[in-house]
Amino acid sequence: MNIYESAEDYLERILMVRERKGIVYSIDIAHELNFSKPSVSVAMKRLRENGYIQMDADGAITLLPPGEEIAQRIYARHQLLSEFLTQLGVSPENAATDACKIEHDISEESYERIREVTLQKRTE
């Protein structure tokens, strides 16, 4: 499934806000990503048109199964890469920032190897 990095970021952020607040609105995403409300509205329209989210009459955003799948995958990558980088001695703040950059572009082979090493470190 091909999807743009920015769309992955939006879906991941929807998931993160949902986990914290329970309900997600476009304004939450705008604040979280420090984007303008109109920019977020355009992105939400595209995600809705492509079947990744739905919005109710009050504007609450819900991830649809394809959007949920992408959001969960990207968020899991982000968490694991952040953990890996902190194991290497990177500060948590820099690890989170760098994980955001890496999570979209890393090959499946490299990610799997990092996952194996990180999980191994957990058990040591």
C-alpha atoms as a PDB file:
ATOM      1  CA  MET A   1       0.000   0.000   0.000  1.00  0.00           C
ATOM      2  CA  ASN A   2       1.601   3.279  -1.091  1.00  0.00           C
ATOM      3  CA  ILE A   3       0.810   6.371   0.927  1.00  0.00           C
ATOM      4  CA  TYR A   4       2.662   9.632   1.274  1.00  0.00           C
ATOM      5  CA  GLU A   5       4.807  10.277   4.327  1.00  0.00           C
ATOM      6  CA  SER A   6       2.684  13.279   5.298  1.00  0.00           C
ATOM      7  CA  ALA A   7      -0.459  11.141   5.264  1.00  0.00           C
ATOM      8  CA  GLU A   8       1.300   8.573   7.456  1.00  0.00           C
ATOM      9  CA  ASP A   9       2.222  11.365   9.875  1.00  0.00           C
ATOM     10  CA  TYR A  10      -1.382  12.548  10.051  1.00  0.00           C
ATOM     11  CA  LEU A  11      -2.717   9.033  10.616  1.00  0.00           C
ATOM     12  CA  GLU A  12      -0.104   8.360  13.292  1.00  0.00           C
ATOM     13  CA  ARG A  13      -0.933  11.647  15.024  1.00  0.00           C
ATOM     14  CA  ILE A  14      -4.670  10.852  14.957  1.00  0.00           C
ATOM     15  CA  LEU A  15      -3.888   7.564  16.689  1.00  0.00           C
ATOM     16  CA  MET A  16      -1.665   9.255  19.280  1.00  0.00           C
ATOM     17  CA  VAL A  17      -4.263  11.924  20.106  1.00  0.00           C
ATOM     18  CA  ARG A  18      -6.993   9.286  20.289  1.00  0.00           C
ATOM     19  CA  GLU A  19      -4.935   7.283  22.790  1.00  0.00           C
ATOM     20  CA  ARG A  20      -4.472  10.358  24.975  1.00  0.00           C
ATOM     21  CA  LYS A  21      -7.833  12.109  24.639  1.00  0.00           C
ATOM     22  CA  GLY A  22     -10.241   9.466  23.363  1.00  0.00           C
ATOM     23  CA  ILE A  23     -11.662  11.732  20.683  1.00  0.00           C
ATOM     24  CA  VAL A  24      -9.855  13.610  17.909  1.00  0.00           C
ATOM     25  CA  TYR A  25     -10.715  16.818  16.076  1.00  0.00           C
ATOM     26  CA  SER A  26      -8.845  18.594  13.297  1.00  0.00           C
ATOM     27  CA  ILE A  27      -7.891  21.382  15.696  1.00  0.00           C
ATOM     28  CA  ASP A  28      -6.097  18.806  17.884  1.00  0.00           C
ATOM     29  CA  ILE A  29      -4.030  17.705  14.902  1.00  0.00           C
ATOM     30  CA  ALA A  30      -3.279  21.317  13.963  1.00  0.00           C
ATOM     31  CA  HIS A  31      -2.033  22.038  17.484  1.00  0.00           C
ATOM     32  CA  GLU A  32      -0.035  18.808  17.726  1.00  0.00           C
ATOM     33  CA  LEU A  33       1.754  19.278  14.410  1.00  0.00           C
ATOM     34  CA  ASN A  34       1.891  23.075  14.617  1.00  0.00           C
ATOM     35  CA  PHE A  35       0.092  23.357  11.265  1.00  0.00           C
ATOM     36  CA  SER A  36      -2.638  25.784  10.262  1.00  0.00           C
ATOM     37  CA  LYS A  37      -6.235  24.646  10.577  1.00  0.00           C
ATOM     38  CA  PRO A  38      -6.830  25.089   6.808  1.00  0.00           C
ATOM     39  CA  SER A  39      -3.824  22.867   5.992  1.00  0.00           C
ATOM     40  CA  VAL A  40      -5.097  20.177   8.319  1.00  0.00           C
ATOM     41  CA  SER A  41      -8.614  20.478   6.884  1.00  0.00           C
ATOM     42  CA  VAL A  42      -7.286  19.861   3.369  1.00  0.00           C
ATOM     43  CA  ALA A  43      -5.317  16.839   4.589  1.00  0.00           C
ATOM     44  CA  MET A  44      -8.340  15.430   6.463  1.00  0.00           C
ATOM     45  CA  LYS A  45     -10.445  15.826   3.318  1.00  0.00           C
ATOM     46  CA  ARG A  46      -7.891  13.801   1.328  1.00  0.00           C
ATOM     47  CA  LEU A  47      -7.675  11.117   4.005  1.00  0.00           C
ATOM     48  CA  ARG A  48     -11.477  10.930   4.076  1.00  0.00           C
ATOM     49  CA  GLU A  49     -11.728  10.722   0.272  1.00  0.00           C
ATOM     50  CA  ASN A  50      -9.160   7.914   0.243  1.00  0.00           C
ATOM     51  CA  GLY A  51     -11.003   5.878   2.866  1.00  0.00           C
ATOM     52  CA  TYR A  52      -8.553   6.274   5.746  1.00  0.00           C
ATOM     53  CA  ILE A  53     -10.748   8.292   8.116  1.00  0.00           C
ATOM     54  CA  GLN A  54     -14.306   9.370   8.633  1.00  0.00           C
ATOM     55  CA  MET A  55     -15.627  12.458  10.345  1.00  0.00           C
ATOM     56  CA  ASP A  56     -18.940  12.676  12.140  1.00  0.00           C
ATOM     57  CA  ALA A  57     -21.299  15.656  12.084  1.00  0.00           C
ATOM     58  CA  ASP A  58     -19.442  17.226  15.042  1.00  0.00           C
ATOM     59  CA  GLY A  59     -16.088  16.880  13.271  1.00  0.00           C
ATOM     60  CA  ALA A  60     -14.771  14.001  15.385  1.00  0.00           C
ATOM     61  CA  ILE A  61     -12.243  11.944  13.422  1.00  0.00           C
ATOM     62  CA  THR A  62     -12.290   8.152  13.392  1.00  0.00           C
ATOM     63  CA  LEU A  63      -9.675   5.961  11.766  1.00  0.00           C
ATOM     64  CA  LEU A  64     -11.192   3.468   9.334  1.00  0.00           C
ATOM     65  CA  PRO A  65      -9.549   0.009   9.116  1.00  0.00           C
ATOM     66  CA  PRO A  66      -7.038   0.961   6.359  1.00  0.00           C
ATOM     67  CA  GLY A  67      -6.082   4.140   8.256  1.00  0.00           C
ATOM     68  CA  GLU A  68      -5.892   2.282  11.565  1.00  0.00           C
ATOM     69  CA  GLU A  69      -3.565  -0.300  10.032  1.00  0.00           C
ATOM     70  CA  ILE A  70      -1.180   2.340   8.699  1.00  0.00           C
ATOM     71  CA  ALA A  71      -1.298   4.391  11.903  1.00  0.00           C
ATOM     72  CA  GLN A  72      -0.561   1.343  14.072  1.00  0.00           C
ATOM     73  CA  ARG A  73       2.327   0.265  11.835  1.00  0.00           C
ATOM     74  CA  ILE A  74       3.959   3.698  11.776  1.00  0.00           C
ATOM     75  CA  TYR A  75       3.436   4.256  15.508  1.00  0.00           C
ATOM     76  CA  ALA A  76       4.929   0.852  16.354  1.00  0.00           C
ATOM     77  CA  ARG A  77       7.943   1.662  14.176  1.00  0.00           C
ATOM     78  CA  HIS A  78       8.286   5.042  15.863  1.00  0.00           C
ATOM     79  CA  GLN A  79       8.213   3.537  19.338  1.00  0.00           C
ATOM     80  CA  LEU A  80      10.702   0.786  18.517  1.00  0.00           C
ATOM     81  CA  LEU A  81      13.118   3.110  16.713  1.00  0.00           C
ATOM     82  CA  SER A  82      12.946   5.585  19.615  1.00  0.00           C
ATOM     83  CA  GLU A  83      13.742   2.771  22.030  1.00  0.00           C
ATOM     84  CA  PHE A  84      16.632   1.562  19.869  1.00  0.00           C
ATOM     85  CA  LEU A  85      18.150   5.031  19.648  1.00  0.00           C
ATOM     86  CA  THR A  86      17.861   5.597  23.402  1.00  0.00           C
ATOM     87  CA  GLN A  87      19.577   2.226  23.949  1.00  0.00           C
ATOM     88  CA  LEU A  88      22.448   3.658  21.902  1.00  0.00           C
ATOM     89  CA  GLY A  89      22.625   6.618  24.277  1.00  0.00           C
ATOM     90  CA  VAL A  90      20.642   9.180  22.277  1.00  0.00           C
ATOM     91  CA  SER A  91      18.544  11.523  24.439  1.00  0.00           C
ATOM     92  CA  PRO A  92      14.829  10.644  24.483  1.00  0.00           C
ATOM     93  CA  GLU A  93      13.946  13.953  22.797  1.00  0.00           C
ATOM     94  CA  ASN A  94      16.401  13.452  19.926  1.00  0.00           C
ATOM     95  CA  ALA A  95      15.502   9.772  19.668  1.00  0.00           C
ATOM     96  CA  ALA A  96      11.820  10.642  19.178  1.00  0.00           C
ATOM     97  CA  THR A  97      12.629  13.324  16.603  1.00  0.00           C
ATOM     98  CA  ASP A  98      15.007  11.064  14.683  1.00  0.00           C
ATOM     99  CA  ALA A  99      12.613   8.110  14.842  1.00  0.00           C
ATOM    100  CA  CYS A 100      10.008  10.306  13.135  1.00  0.00           C
ATOM    101  CA  LYS A 101      12.404  10.859  10.258  1.00  0.00           C
ATOM    102  CA  ILE A 102      13.546   7.246  10.002  1.00  0.00           C
ATOM    103  CA  GLU A 103      10.202   5.436  10.404  1.00  0.00           C
ATOM    104  CA  HIS A 104       9.032   6.199   6.862  1.00  0.00           C
ATOM    105  CA  ASP A 105      12.184   5.498   4.893  1.00  0.00           C
ATOM    106  CA  ILE A 106      13.906   2.565   6.557  1.00  0.00           C
ATOM    107  CA  SER A 107      13.946  -0.691   4.617  1.00  0.00           C
ATOM    108  CA  GLU A 108      12.000  -3.624   5.969  1.00  0.00           C
ATOM    109  CA  GLU A 109      15.249  -5.595   6.307  1.00  0.00           C
ATOM    110  CA  SER A 110      16.933  -2.891   8.419  1.00  0.00           C
ATOM    111  CA  TYR A 111      13.827  -2.360  10.521  1.00  0.00           C
ATOM    112  CA  GLU A 112      13.510  -6.078  11.254  1.00  0.00           C
ATOM    113  CA  ARG A 113      17.161  -6.294  12.301  1.00  0.00           C
ATOM    114  CA  ILE A 114      16.765  -3.267  14.588  1.00  0.00           C
ATOM    115  CA  ARG A 115      13.622  -4.867  16.010  1.00  0.00           C
ATOM    116  CA  GLU A 116      15.476  -8.107  16.729  1.00  0.00           C
ATOM    117  CA  VAL A 117      18.366  -6.300  18.433  1.00  0.00           C
ATOM    118  CA  THR A 118      16.013  -4.091  20.471  1.00  0.00           C
ATOM    119  CA  LEU A 119      13.910  -7.018  21.631  1.00  0.00           C
ATOM    120  CA  GLN A 120      17.068  -8.947  22.523  1.00  0.00           C
ATOM    121  CA  LYS A 121      18.284  -5.985  24.624  1.00  0.00           C
ATOM    122  CA  ARG A 122      14.977  -5.993  26.525  1.00  0.00           C
ATOM    123  CA  THR A 123      15.592  -9.525  27.727  1.00  0.00           C
ATOM    124  CA  GLU A 124      19.193  -8.952  28.824  1.00  0.00           C
END
